[in-house]
N, C-alpha and C. Protein backbone atom coordinates (compact mmCIF):
# COMPACT_ATOMS: atom_id res chain seq x y z
N UNK A 1 0.86 -1.19 -0.02
CA UNK A 1 -0.04 -0.05 0.02
C UNK A 1 0.89 1.26 -0.04
N UNK A 2 1.85 1.23 0.85
CA UNK A 2 2.77 2.49 0.89
C UNK A 2 3.58 2.73 -0.43
N UNK A 3 3.95 1.56 -1.01
CA UNK A 3 4.59 1.59 -2.17
C UNK A 3 3.74 2.28 -3.43
N UNK A 4 2.43 1.76 -3.30
CA UNK A 4 1.54 2.38 -4.39
C UNK A 4 1.33 3.79 -4.18
N UNK A 5 1.13 4.22 -2.92
CA UNK A 5 1.01 5.60 -2.50
C UNK A 5 2.27 6.49 -2.85
N UNK A 6 3.43 5.81 -2.79
CA UNK A 6 4.70 6.48 -3.13
C UNK A 6 4.67 6.83 -4.61
N UNK A 7 4.27 5.75 -5.42
CA UNK A 7 4.29 6.00 -6.85
C UNK A 7 3.20 6.95 -7.29
N UNK A 8 2.10 6.95 -6.70
CA UNK A 8 1.00 7.78 -6.95
C UNK A 8 1.48 9.22 -6.72
N UNK A 9 2.23 9.52 -5.65
CA UNK A 9 2.81 10.83 -5.34
C UNK A 9 3.70 11.14 -6.35
N UNK A 10 4.69 10.37 -6.72
CA UNK A 10 5.74 10.70 -7.59
C UNK A 10 5.06 11.22 -8.94
N UNK A 11 4.09 10.43 -9.39
CA UNK A 11 3.38 10.70 -10.69
C UNK A 11 2.68 12.03 -10.61
N UNK A 12 2.12 12.27 -9.40
CA UNK A 12 1.52 13.81 -9.22
C UNK A 12 2.52 14.77 -9.51
N UNK A 13 3.79 14.56 -8.79
CA UNK A 13 4.71 15.50 -8.91
C UNK A 13 5.13 15.68 -10.38
N UNK A 14 5.45 14.62 -11.00
CA UNK A 14 5.89 14.64 -12.49
C UNK A 14 4.77 15.27 -13.26
N UNK A 15 3.47 14.91 -13.03
CA UNK A 15 2.40 15.51 -13.99
C UNK A 15 2.37 17.02 -13.79
N UNK A 16 2.64 17.47 -12.57
CA UNK A 16 2.51 19.06 -12.30
C UNK A 16 3.73 19.70 -12.87
N UNK A 17 4.85 19.04 -13.21
CA UNK A 17 5.89 19.78 -13.71
C UNK A 17 6.39 19.41 -15.00
N UNK A 18 5.98 18.35 -15.62
CA UNK A 18 6.55 17.87 -16.94
C UNK A 18 5.61 17.95 -18.01
N UNK A 19 4.35 18.05 -17.79
CA UNK A 19 3.36 18.04 -18.97
C UNK A 19 3.32 19.48 -19.58
N UNK A 20 3.43 19.56 -20.90
CA UNK A 20 3.39 20.83 -21.61
C UNK A 20 2.49 20.66 -22.69
N UNK A 21 2.20 21.89 -23.31
CA UNK A 21 1.23 21.83 -24.40
C UNK A 21 1.93 22.28 -25.74
N UNK A 22 1.35 21.78 -26.72
CA UNK A 22 1.69 22.00 -28.17
C UNK A 22 0.50 22.50 -28.95
N UNK A 23 0.89 23.37 -29.91
CA UNK A 23 -0.23 23.93 -30.87
C UNK A 23 -0.17 22.93 -32.06
N UNK A 24 -1.45 22.68 -32.33
CA UNK A 24 -1.75 21.84 -33.52
C UNK A 24 -3.04 22.19 -34.24
N UNK A 25 -3.03 22.64 -35.44
CA UNK A 25 -4.28 23.11 -36.05
C UNK A 25 -5.07 24.00 -35.24
N UNK A 26 -4.43 24.97 -34.58
CA UNK A 26 -5.15 25.95 -33.78
C UNK A 26 -5.89 25.35 -32.51
N UNK A 27 -5.39 24.20 -32.11
CA UNK A 27 -6.03 23.56 -30.88
C UNK A 27 -4.78 23.27 -30.05
N UNK A 28 -5.12 23.37 -28.77
CA UNK A 28 -3.99 23.00 -27.67
C UNK A 28 -4.21 21.67 -27.22
N UNK A 29 -3.09 20.89 -27.31
CA UNK A 29 -3.42 19.48 -26.87
C UNK A 29 -2.18 19.26 -25.76
N UNK A 30 -2.60 18.57 -24.76
CA UNK A 30 -1.50 18.17 -23.68
C UNK A 30 -0.74 17.06 -24.27
N UNK A 31 0.58 17.22 -24.24
CA UNK A 31 1.55 16.23 -24.69
C UNK A 31 1.77 15.25 -23.50
N UNK A 32 2.06 14.01 -23.99
CA UNK A 32 2.25 12.96 -22.99
C UNK A 32 3.63 13.17 -22.36
N UNK A 33 3.78 12.39 -21.29
CA UNK A 33 5.05 12.10 -20.72
C UNK A 33 5.28 10.69 -20.62
N UNK A 34 6.41 10.22 -21.22
CA UNK A 34 6.66 8.73 -21.19
C UNK A 34 7.34 8.30 -19.90
N UNK A 35 6.69 7.50 -19.05
CA UNK A 35 7.09 7.03 -17.78
C UNK A 35 7.60 5.63 -17.92
N UNK A 36 8.94 5.52 -17.63
CA UNK A 36 9.70 4.17 -17.63
C UNK A 36 9.46 3.50 -16.29
N UNK A 37 8.75 2.33 -16.19
CA UNK A 37 8.53 1.55 -15.10
C UNK A 37 9.35 0.35 -15.12
N UNK A 38 10.65 0.34 -14.47
CA UNK A 38 11.49 -0.83 -14.37
C UNK A 38 10.95 -1.79 -13.35
N UNK A 39 10.98 -3.04 -13.76
CA UNK A 39 10.53 -4.07 -12.71
C UNK A 39 11.66 -4.72 -12.14
N UNK A 40 11.57 -5.35 -10.84
CA UNK A 40 12.72 -5.91 -10.17
C UNK A 40 13.41 -6.84 -11.07
N UNK A 41 14.70 -6.88 -11.13
CA UNK A 41 15.56 -7.69 -11.92
C UNK A 41 16.24 -7.14 -13.14
N UNK A 42 15.64 -6.16 -13.73
CA UNK A 42 16.13 -5.57 -14.93
C UNK A 42 17.37 -4.71 -14.59
N UNK A 43 18.48 -4.89 -15.21
CA UNK A 43 19.74 -4.25 -14.78
C UNK A 43 19.59 -2.70 -14.95
N UNK A 44 20.16 -1.88 -13.98
CA UNK A 44 19.88 -0.47 -14.05
C UNK A 44 20.45 0.14 -15.25
N UNK A 45 21.66 -0.43 -15.82
CA UNK A 45 22.31 0.04 -16.97
C UNK A 45 21.34 -0.04 -18.28
N UNK A 46 20.47 -1.07 -18.13
CA UNK A 46 19.51 -1.32 -19.34
C UNK A 46 18.38 -0.17 -19.28
N UNK A 47 18.06 0.15 -18.07
CA UNK A 47 17.10 1.24 -18.00
C UNK A 47 17.58 2.56 -18.36
N UNK A 48 18.87 2.83 -18.03
CA UNK A 48 19.51 4.15 -18.21
C UNK A 48 19.67 4.30 -19.88
N UNK A 49 19.98 3.10 -20.47
CA UNK A 49 20.24 3.09 -21.89
C UNK A 49 18.95 3.39 -22.58
N UNK A 50 17.96 2.68 -22.27
CA UNK A 50 16.55 2.94 -22.87
C UNK A 50 16.22 4.33 -22.57
N UNK A 51 16.18 4.82 -21.42
CA UNK A 51 15.91 6.24 -21.25
C UNK A 51 16.52 7.19 -22.12
N UNK A 52 17.90 7.07 -22.15
CA UNK A 52 18.56 8.03 -23.11
C UNK A 52 18.21 7.90 -24.58
N UNK A 53 18.12 6.75 -25.00
CA UNK A 53 17.68 6.54 -26.33
C UNK A 53 16.28 7.02 -26.75
N UNK A 54 15.33 6.87 -25.80
CA UNK A 54 13.98 7.36 -26.07
C UNK A 54 13.97 8.83 -26.07
N UNK A 55 14.78 9.40 -25.13
CA UNK A 55 14.87 10.79 -25.09
C UNK A 55 15.45 11.49 -26.34
N UNK A 56 16.13 10.69 -27.21
CA UNK A 56 16.60 11.29 -28.42
C UNK A 56 15.51 11.55 -29.35
N UNK A 57 14.40 10.82 -29.15
CA UNK A 57 13.19 10.96 -30.06
C UNK A 57 12.18 11.87 -29.33
N UNK A 58 12.04 11.55 -28.07
CA UNK A 58 11.01 12.20 -27.33
C UNK A 58 11.53 12.75 -25.91
N UNK A 59 11.67 14.01 -25.66
CA UNK A 59 12.36 14.44 -24.43
C UNK A 59 11.63 14.25 -23.16
N UNK A 60 10.40 14.15 -23.09
CA UNK A 60 9.76 14.22 -21.94
C UNK A 60 9.63 12.63 -21.39
N UNK A 61 10.71 12.26 -20.63
CA UNK A 61 10.74 10.92 -20.18
C UNK A 61 11.17 10.96 -18.59
N UNK A 62 10.42 10.06 -17.95
CA UNK A 62 10.82 10.00 -16.38
C UNK A 62 10.94 8.51 -16.17
N UNK A 63 11.75 8.21 -15.12
CA UNK A 63 12.00 6.99 -14.71
C UNK A 63 11.40 6.63 -13.26
N UNK A 64 10.51 5.85 -13.12
CA UNK A 64 9.89 5.53 -11.88
C UNK A 64 10.73 4.48 -10.96
N UNK A 65 10.74 4.54 -9.67
CA UNK A 65 11.32 3.39 -8.87
C UNK A 65 11.02 2.05 -9.23
N UNK A 66 11.94 1.19 -9.11
CA UNK A 66 11.60 -0.28 -9.42
C UNK A 66 10.54 -0.84 -8.51
N UNK A 67 9.72 -1.71 -9.12
CA UNK A 67 8.76 -2.39 -8.34
C UNK A 67 8.66 -3.90 -8.82
N UNK A 68 8.02 -4.92 -8.06
CA UNK A 68 7.85 -6.11 -8.43
C UNK A 68 6.88 -6.21 -9.60
N UNK A 69 6.97 -7.27 -10.30
CA UNK A 69 5.98 -7.53 -11.30
C UNK A 69 4.66 -7.96 -10.66
N UNK A 70 3.55 -7.51 -11.23
CA UNK A 70 2.27 -7.92 -10.42
C UNK A 70 2.01 -9.36 -10.29
N UNK A 71 1.71 -9.85 -9.13
CA UNK A 71 1.56 -11.21 -8.80
C UNK A 71 0.54 -11.89 -9.72
N UNK A 72 -0.59 -11.22 -10.20
CA UNK A 72 -1.73 -11.69 -10.81
C UNK A 72 -1.20 -12.00 -12.30
N UNK A 73 -0.06 -11.41 -12.63
CA UNK A 73 0.45 -11.73 -14.06
C UNK A 73 1.22 -12.92 -14.20
N UNK A 74 1.54 -13.54 -13.09
CA UNK A 74 2.44 -14.79 -13.11
C UNK A 74 1.64 -15.95 -13.56
N UNK A 75 2.22 -16.58 -14.66
CA UNK A 75 1.62 -17.82 -15.28
C UNK A 75 2.60 -19.04 -14.81
N UNK A 76 2.07 -19.59 -13.71
CA UNK A 76 3.05 -20.70 -13.13
C UNK A 76 3.20 -21.86 -14.03
N UNK A 77 2.44 -22.29 -14.74
CA UNK A 77 2.56 -23.43 -15.73
C UNK A 77 3.85 -23.28 -16.61
N UNK A 78 4.08 -22.07 -17.03
CA UNK A 78 5.13 -21.71 -17.90
C UNK A 78 6.26 -21.03 -17.24
N UNK A 79 6.01 -20.73 -16.06
CA UNK A 79 6.98 -19.87 -15.31
C UNK A 79 7.32 -18.60 -15.95
N UNK A 80 6.37 -17.99 -16.39
CA UNK A 80 6.49 -16.59 -17.28
C UNK A 80 5.54 -15.70 -16.75
N UNK A 81 5.34 -14.51 -17.33
CA UNK A 81 4.36 -13.63 -16.77
C UNK A 81 3.47 -13.13 -18.21
N UNK A 82 2.18 -13.02 -17.86
CA UNK A 82 1.28 -12.59 -19.03
C UNK A 82 1.50 -11.17 -19.16
N UNK A 83 1.97 -10.84 -20.57
CA UNK A 83 2.13 -9.26 -20.92
C UNK A 83 0.84 -8.58 -20.81
N UNK A 84 -0.30 -9.19 -21.15
CA UNK A 84 -1.52 -8.45 -21.05
C UNK A 84 -2.01 -8.18 -19.66
N UNK A 85 -1.63 -8.94 -18.77
CA UNK A 85 -2.02 -8.60 -17.30
C UNK A 85 -1.10 -7.47 -16.89
N UNK A 86 0.09 -7.41 -17.33
CA UNK A 86 0.96 -6.39 -16.94
C UNK A 86 0.59 -5.08 -17.43
N UNK A 87 0.01 -5.09 -18.74
CA UNK A 87 -0.57 -3.86 -19.26
C UNK A 87 -1.76 -3.39 -18.47
N UNK A 88 -2.64 -4.32 -18.00
CA UNK A 88 -3.69 -3.96 -17.15
C UNK A 88 -3.28 -3.29 -15.92
N UNK A 89 -2.22 -3.89 -15.29
CA UNK A 89 -1.61 -3.39 -14.11
C UNK A 89 -1.10 -1.88 -14.34
N UNK A 90 -0.35 -1.76 -15.38
CA UNK A 90 0.16 -0.39 -15.70
C UNK A 90 -0.79 0.55 -16.06
N UNK A 91 -1.94 0.09 -16.73
CA UNK A 91 -3.06 1.01 -17.23
C UNK A 91 -3.88 1.51 -15.93
N UNK A 92 -3.73 0.97 -14.77
CA UNK A 92 -4.51 1.41 -13.67
C UNK A 92 -4.28 2.91 -13.17
N UNK A 93 -3.03 3.32 -13.52
CA UNK A 93 -2.67 4.69 -13.03
C UNK A 93 -3.68 5.73 -13.35
N UNK A 94 -3.97 6.68 -12.51
CA UNK A 94 -5.00 7.71 -12.83
C UNK A 94 -4.29 9.03 -13.34
N UNK A 95 -3.03 8.84 -13.53
CA UNK A 95 -2.25 10.04 -13.93
C UNK A 95 -2.71 10.39 -15.43
N UNK A 96 -3.06 11.62 -15.74
CA UNK A 96 -3.43 11.84 -17.23
C UNK A 96 -2.22 12.24 -17.94
N UNK A 97 -2.37 11.88 -19.23
CA UNK A 97 -1.38 12.26 -20.17
C UNK A 97 -0.01 11.63 -20.01
N UNK A 98 0.00 10.37 -19.36
CA UNK A 98 1.23 9.59 -19.19
C UNK A 98 1.05 8.34 -19.95
N UNK A 99 2.08 7.90 -20.61
CA UNK A 99 2.28 6.70 -21.22
C UNK A 99 3.21 5.79 -20.57
N UNK A 100 2.98 4.68 -20.01
CA UNK A 100 3.84 3.79 -19.23
C UNK A 100 4.57 2.66 -20.24
N UNK A 101 5.83 2.51 -20.02
CA UNK A 101 6.54 1.49 -20.63
C UNK A 101 7.27 0.67 -19.56
N UNK A 102 6.78 -0.44 -19.38
CA UNK A 102 7.32 -1.40 -18.31
C UNK A 102 8.51 -2.15 -18.90
N UNK A 103 9.64 -2.26 -18.31
CA UNK A 103 10.88 -3.05 -18.61
C UNK A 103 11.07 -4.12 -17.80
N UNK A 104 11.36 -5.28 -18.15
CA UNK A 104 11.50 -6.54 -17.36
C UNK A 104 12.58 -7.53 -17.95
N UNK A 105 12.99 -8.41 -17.20
CA UNK A 105 14.01 -9.31 -17.66
C UNK A 105 13.43 -10.66 -17.72
N UNK A 106 12.11 -10.75 -17.35
CA UNK A 106 11.46 -11.90 -17.20
C UNK A 106 10.79 -12.39 -18.65
N UNK A 107 10.63 -13.59 -18.69
CA UNK A 107 9.84 -14.14 -19.85
C UNK A 107 8.41 -13.71 -19.92
N UNK A 108 7.82 -13.10 -20.98
CA UNK A 108 6.47 -12.73 -21.09
C UNK A 108 5.74 -13.36 -22.26
N UNK A 109 4.50 -13.48 -22.00
CA UNK A 109 3.71 -14.12 -23.15
C UNK A 109 2.24 -13.30 -23.40
N UNK A 110 1.74 -13.62 -24.51
CA UNK A 110 0.45 -13.16 -24.85
C UNK A 110 -0.38 -14.08 -25.66
N UNK A 111 -1.62 -13.86 -25.94
CA UNK A 111 -2.50 -14.70 -26.76
C UNK A 111 -2.12 -14.29 -28.13
N UNK A 112 -1.87 -15.12 -29.12
CA UNK A 112 -1.61 -14.92 -30.44
C UNK A 112 -2.32 -15.97 -31.33
N UNK A 113 -3.30 -15.52 -32.05
CA UNK A 113 -4.12 -16.43 -32.82
C UNK A 113 -4.70 -17.57 -31.97
N UNK A 114 -4.37 -18.76 -32.34
CA UNK A 114 -5.02 -20.02 -31.64
C UNK A 114 -4.03 -20.29 -30.53
N UNK A 115 -2.82 -19.75 -30.36
CA UNK A 115 -1.85 -19.92 -29.30
C UNK A 115 -2.25 -19.09 -28.18
N UNK A 116 -2.64 -19.67 -26.95
CA UNK A 116 -2.99 -18.88 -25.75
C UNK A 116 -1.95 -18.45 -25.07
N UNK A 117 -0.79 -18.98 -25.12
CA UNK A 117 0.47 -18.45 -24.46
C UNK A 117 1.64 -18.40 -25.28
N UNK A 118 1.74 -17.39 -26.09
CA UNK A 118 2.87 -17.19 -27.10
C UNK A 118 3.94 -16.33 -26.52
N UNK A 119 5.15 -16.79 -26.36
CA UNK A 119 6.30 -15.89 -25.82
C UNK A 119 6.49 -14.68 -26.81
N UNK A 120 6.57 -13.49 -26.31
CA UNK A 120 6.75 -12.24 -26.98
C UNK A 120 7.92 -11.42 -26.48
N UNK A 121 8.34 -10.53 -27.37
CA UNK A 121 9.44 -9.56 -26.91
C UNK A 121 8.73 -8.41 -26.23
N UNK A 122 7.50 -8.13 -26.55
CA UNK A 122 6.90 -6.85 -25.88
C UNK A 122 5.40 -6.90 -26.43
N UNK A 123 4.67 -6.13 -25.69
CA UNK A 123 3.28 -5.88 -26.06
C UNK A 123 2.87 -4.56 -25.62
N UNK A 124 1.95 -3.90 -26.44
CA UNK A 124 1.36 -2.60 -26.21
C UNK A 124 0.04 -2.40 -26.71
N UNK A 125 -0.76 -1.53 -25.92
CA UNK A 125 -2.06 -1.11 -26.45
C UNK A 125 -1.83 -0.33 -27.71
N UNK A 126 -3.00 -0.31 -28.63
CA UNK A 126 -2.79 0.34 -29.80
C UNK A 126 -4.19 0.90 -30.21
N UNK A 127 -4.45 2.25 -29.88
CA UNK A 127 -3.56 3.14 -29.04
C UNK A 127 -3.81 2.94 -27.55
N UNK A 128 -3.08 3.57 -26.64
CA UNK A 128 -3.26 3.41 -25.27
C UNK A 128 -2.28 4.02 -24.54
N UNK A 129 -2.15 3.66 -23.21
CA UNK A 129 -1.18 4.31 -22.44
C UNK A 129 -0.19 3.34 -21.55
N UNK A 130 -0.15 2.10 -22.23
CA UNK A 130 0.61 1.19 -21.43
C UNK A 130 1.28 0.10 -22.31
N UNK A 131 2.41 -0.22 -22.20
CA UNK A 131 3.30 -1.29 -22.96
C UNK A 131 4.20 -1.74 -22.21
N UNK A 132 4.94 -2.83 -22.57
CA UNK A 132 5.85 -3.53 -21.90
C UNK A 132 6.94 -4.04 -22.86
N UNK A 133 8.20 -4.24 -22.46
CA UNK A 133 9.23 -4.84 -23.15
C UNK A 133 10.18 -5.71 -22.37
N UNK A 134 10.55 -6.79 -22.89
CA UNK A 134 11.29 -7.93 -21.96
C UNK A 134 12.61 -8.10 -22.73
N UNK A 135 13.76 -8.41 -21.89
CA UNK A 135 15.00 -8.64 -22.38
C UNK A 135 15.19 -10.23 -22.55
N UNK A 136 14.20 -10.96 -22.08
CA UNK A 136 14.43 -12.45 -22.02
C UNK A 136 14.81 -13.12 -23.38
N UNK A 137 14.23 -12.61 -24.34
CA UNK A 137 14.51 -13.35 -25.73
C UNK A 137 15.48 -12.60 -26.51
N UNK A 138 16.21 -11.62 -25.93
CA UNK A 138 17.09 -10.77 -26.78
C UNK A 138 18.57 -11.39 -26.74
N UNK A 139 19.31 -10.99 -27.72
CA UNK A 139 20.67 -11.57 -27.88
C UNK A 139 21.60 -10.76 -26.84
N UNK A 140 22.36 -11.58 -26.26
CA UNK A 140 23.14 -11.09 -25.12
C UNK A 140 24.03 -9.89 -25.57
N UNK A 141 24.74 -9.99 -26.65
CA UNK A 141 25.70 -9.04 -27.05
C UNK A 141 25.12 -7.79 -27.62
N UNK A 142 23.81 -7.79 -27.99
CA UNK A 142 23.26 -6.58 -28.34
C UNK A 142 21.94 -6.34 -27.56
N UNK A 143 21.79 -6.76 -26.38
CA UNK A 143 20.68 -6.80 -25.46
C UNK A 143 20.05 -5.40 -25.42
N UNK A 144 20.94 -4.37 -25.07
CA UNK A 144 20.43 -3.11 -24.82
C UNK A 144 19.80 -2.39 -25.98
N UNK A 145 20.65 -2.56 -27.08
CA UNK A 145 20.08 -1.90 -28.33
C UNK A 145 18.79 -2.63 -28.77
N UNK A 146 18.69 -3.94 -28.65
CA UNK A 146 17.48 -4.60 -28.91
C UNK A 146 16.24 -4.34 -28.08
N UNK A 147 16.64 -3.95 -26.79
CA UNK A 147 15.66 -3.70 -25.94
C UNK A 147 15.02 -2.27 -26.18
N UNK A 148 15.78 -1.47 -26.56
CA UNK A 148 15.40 -0.08 -27.02
C UNK A 148 14.46 -0.26 -28.14
N UNK A 149 14.83 -1.00 -29.11
CA UNK A 149 14.05 -1.13 -30.38
C UNK A 149 12.74 -1.75 -30.04
N UNK A 150 12.70 -2.73 -29.10
CA UNK A 150 11.30 -3.26 -28.77
C UNK A 150 10.52 -2.25 -28.01
N UNK A 151 11.19 -1.49 -27.03
CA UNK A 151 10.46 -0.47 -26.39
C UNK A 151 9.89 0.71 -27.29
N UNK A 152 10.65 1.03 -28.21
CA UNK A 152 10.23 2.14 -29.07
C UNK A 152 9.06 1.64 -29.99
N UNK A 153 9.15 0.27 -30.30
CA UNK A 153 8.12 -0.20 -31.09
C UNK A 153 6.80 -0.27 -30.35
N UNK A 154 6.87 -0.63 -29.14
CA UNK A 154 5.61 -0.79 -28.38
C UNK A 154 5.04 0.61 -27.97
N UNK A 155 5.99 1.63 -27.80
CA UNK A 155 5.63 2.92 -27.51
C UNK A 155 4.86 3.54 -28.84
N UNK A 156 5.37 3.11 -29.94
CA UNK A 156 4.64 3.46 -31.22
C UNK A 156 3.28 3.02 -31.22
N UNK A 157 3.04 1.70 -31.02
CA UNK A 157 1.72 1.25 -30.86
C UNK A 157 0.78 2.12 -29.93
N UNK A 158 1.44 2.49 -28.79
CA UNK A 158 0.49 3.32 -27.89
C UNK A 158 0.23 4.72 -28.53
N UNK A 159 0.84 5.15 -29.50
CA UNK A 159 0.63 6.35 -30.21
C UNK A 159 -0.40 6.10 -31.33
N UNK A 160 -0.86 4.78 -31.55
CA UNK A 160 -1.70 4.57 -32.63
C UNK A 160 -1.10 3.98 -33.83
N UNK A 161 0.20 3.65 -33.78
CA UNK A 161 0.85 3.17 -35.00
C UNK A 161 0.65 1.69 -35.16
N UNK A 162 0.15 1.20 -36.27
CA UNK A 162 0.12 -0.35 -36.52
C UNK A 162 1.43 -0.83 -36.94
N UNK A 163 1.37 -2.17 -37.08
CA UNK A 163 2.63 -2.71 -37.73
C UNK A 163 2.92 -2.14 -39.13
N UNK A 164 4.21 -2.05 -39.41
CA UNK A 164 4.58 -1.44 -40.87
C UNK A 164 5.22 -2.51 -41.67
N UNK A 165 5.08 -2.34 -42.92
CA UNK A 165 5.43 -3.31 -43.95
C UNK A 165 7.03 -3.06 -44.30
N UNK A 166 7.36 -1.88 -43.93
CA UNK A 166 8.81 -1.60 -44.22
C UNK A 166 9.74 -2.34 -43.19
N UNK A 167 10.67 -3.16 -43.85
CA UNK A 167 11.59 -4.09 -43.09
C UNK A 167 12.49 -3.32 -42.25
N UNK A 168 12.81 -2.09 -42.57
CA UNK A 168 13.88 -1.29 -41.75
C UNK A 168 13.17 -0.53 -40.57
N UNK A 169 11.84 -0.46 -40.76
CA UNK A 169 11.14 0.36 -39.60
C UNK A 169 11.04 -0.29 -38.33
N UNK A 170 11.09 0.54 -37.33
CA UNK A 170 10.89 0.08 -35.86
C UNK A 170 9.64 -0.51 -35.67
N UNK A 171 8.59 -0.21 -36.55
CA UNK A 171 7.28 -0.82 -36.39
C UNK A 171 6.96 -1.92 -37.22
N UNK A 172 7.96 -2.57 -37.77
CA UNK A 172 7.71 -3.87 -38.48
C UNK A 172 7.13 -5.06 -37.50
N UNK A 173 6.47 -5.87 -37.99
CA UNK A 173 5.97 -7.13 -37.26
C UNK A 173 7.02 -8.20 -37.12
N UNK A 174 7.25 -8.49 -35.82
CA UNK A 174 8.31 -9.51 -35.51
C UNK A 174 7.98 -10.87 -36.12
N UNK A 175 6.76 -11.03 -36.32
CA UNK A 175 6.30 -12.38 -36.77
C UNK A 175 6.84 -13.61 -36.03
N UNK A 176 6.85 -13.51 -34.80
CA UNK A 176 7.32 -14.58 -34.01
C UNK A 176 8.90 -14.69 -33.81
N UNK A 177 9.69 -13.75 -34.55
CA UNK A 177 11.09 -13.86 -34.39
C UNK A 177 11.59 -12.59 -33.81
N UNK A 178 12.85 -12.29 -33.88
CA UNK A 178 13.55 -11.18 -33.35
C UNK A 178 14.35 -10.49 -34.51
N UNK A 179 13.59 -9.62 -35.29
CA UNK A 179 14.30 -8.81 -36.36
C UNK A 179 14.94 -7.62 -35.89
N UNK A 180 15.18 -7.32 -34.77
CA UNK A 180 15.48 -6.00 -34.30
C UNK A 180 16.85 -5.54 -35.03
N UNK A 181 17.68 -6.33 -35.24
CA UNK A 181 19.08 -5.99 -35.82
C UNK A 181 18.81 -5.43 -37.30
N UNK A 182 17.69 -5.67 -37.92
CA UNK A 182 17.43 -5.20 -39.19
C UNK A 182 16.75 -3.76 -39.17
N UNK A 183 16.17 -3.53 -37.96
CA UNK A 183 15.55 -2.23 -37.81
C UNK A 183 16.50 -1.08 -37.58
N UNK A 184 16.26 0.04 -38.49
CA UNK A 184 17.13 1.22 -38.36
C UNK A 184 16.50 2.46 -37.90
N UNK A 185 15.26 2.76 -38.14
CA UNK A 185 14.51 3.83 -37.83
C UNK A 185 13.05 3.75 -38.06
N UNK A 186 12.18 4.82 -37.79
CA UNK A 186 10.93 4.83 -38.16
C UNK A 186 10.92 5.28 -39.67
N UNK A 187 9.93 4.58 -40.37
CA UNK A 187 9.84 4.93 -41.92
C UNK A 187 9.26 6.31 -41.92
N UNK A 188 9.31 6.92 -43.13
CA UNK A 188 8.73 8.26 -43.36
C UNK A 188 7.31 8.37 -42.87
N UNK A 189 6.40 7.36 -43.21
CA UNK A 189 5.10 7.58 -42.74
C UNK A 189 4.77 7.40 -41.14
N UNK A 190 5.63 6.52 -40.62
CA UNK A 190 5.58 6.51 -39.07
C UNK A 190 6.06 7.76 -38.53
N UNK A 191 7.09 8.31 -39.17
CA UNK A 191 7.71 9.52 -38.56
C UNK A 191 6.60 10.58 -38.65
N UNK A 192 5.92 10.70 -39.88
CA UNK A 192 4.92 11.73 -39.98
C UNK A 192 3.82 11.79 -38.94
N UNK A 193 3.24 10.48 -38.66
CA UNK A 193 2.35 10.23 -37.67
C UNK A 193 2.87 10.62 -36.24
N UNK A 194 4.02 10.20 -35.89
CA UNK A 194 4.53 10.64 -34.53
C UNK A 194 4.96 12.06 -34.33
N UNK A 195 5.39 12.69 -35.45
CA UNK A 195 5.65 14.15 -35.50
C UNK A 195 4.18 14.89 -35.16
N UNK A 196 3.23 14.46 -35.59
CA UNK A 196 1.87 14.97 -35.20
C UNK A 196 1.44 14.80 -33.79
N UNK A 197 2.26 13.85 -33.09
CA UNK A 197 2.03 13.67 -31.74
C UNK A 197 3.10 14.42 -30.86
N UNK A 198 3.91 15.30 -31.43
CA UNK A 198 4.91 15.95 -30.77
C UNK A 198 6.30 15.24 -30.77
N UNK A 199 6.55 14.33 -31.34
CA UNK A 199 7.85 13.60 -31.36
C UNK A 199 8.79 14.28 -32.30
N UNK A 200 10.13 14.27 -31.81
CA UNK A 200 11.18 15.06 -32.59
C UNK A 200 11.85 14.20 -33.46
N UNK A 201 11.32 13.99 -34.69
CA UNK A 201 11.92 12.98 -35.69
C UNK A 201 12.20 13.83 -37.05
């Protein structure tokens, strides 16, 4: 209970000082703040790397204190965590204009087609305010760069971006594999969409 209150307090402070407004088509819109929620077990250096890389695209980023993965997300049969349940947990925040990206080193899964428990790199609402990325299935020697690419992909979904057909784009469909080494940037169409959301691309 105390930990939840602490996080709620921190989000209130962040919300009061970091949300800004942008002008678009003569309308004022509140820009989001990206909140990185590291879960217990994720190396601090991975969190810092992802934070700095995201800031190169979107400057309004905060890192929250580490917390445990939600118990209700644990799938004992496969010793992994349900990504959809993690999203529900992250989505419970009442903070307005925040998008949450959970980072974990644990194996995560989601329902995919007829497979009720398919291992995934990440998952995000499209659109929405919650997503999660895992290092569990990433290559050890390029873990941090791949984690960033998974994170930026899932954040793109929260901004309403669907999967992209361009193979070099961060938004390409993984199709059950790990194609992150082939991804270089957002394609021009995805960039255009995100620029409309206040991203610096």
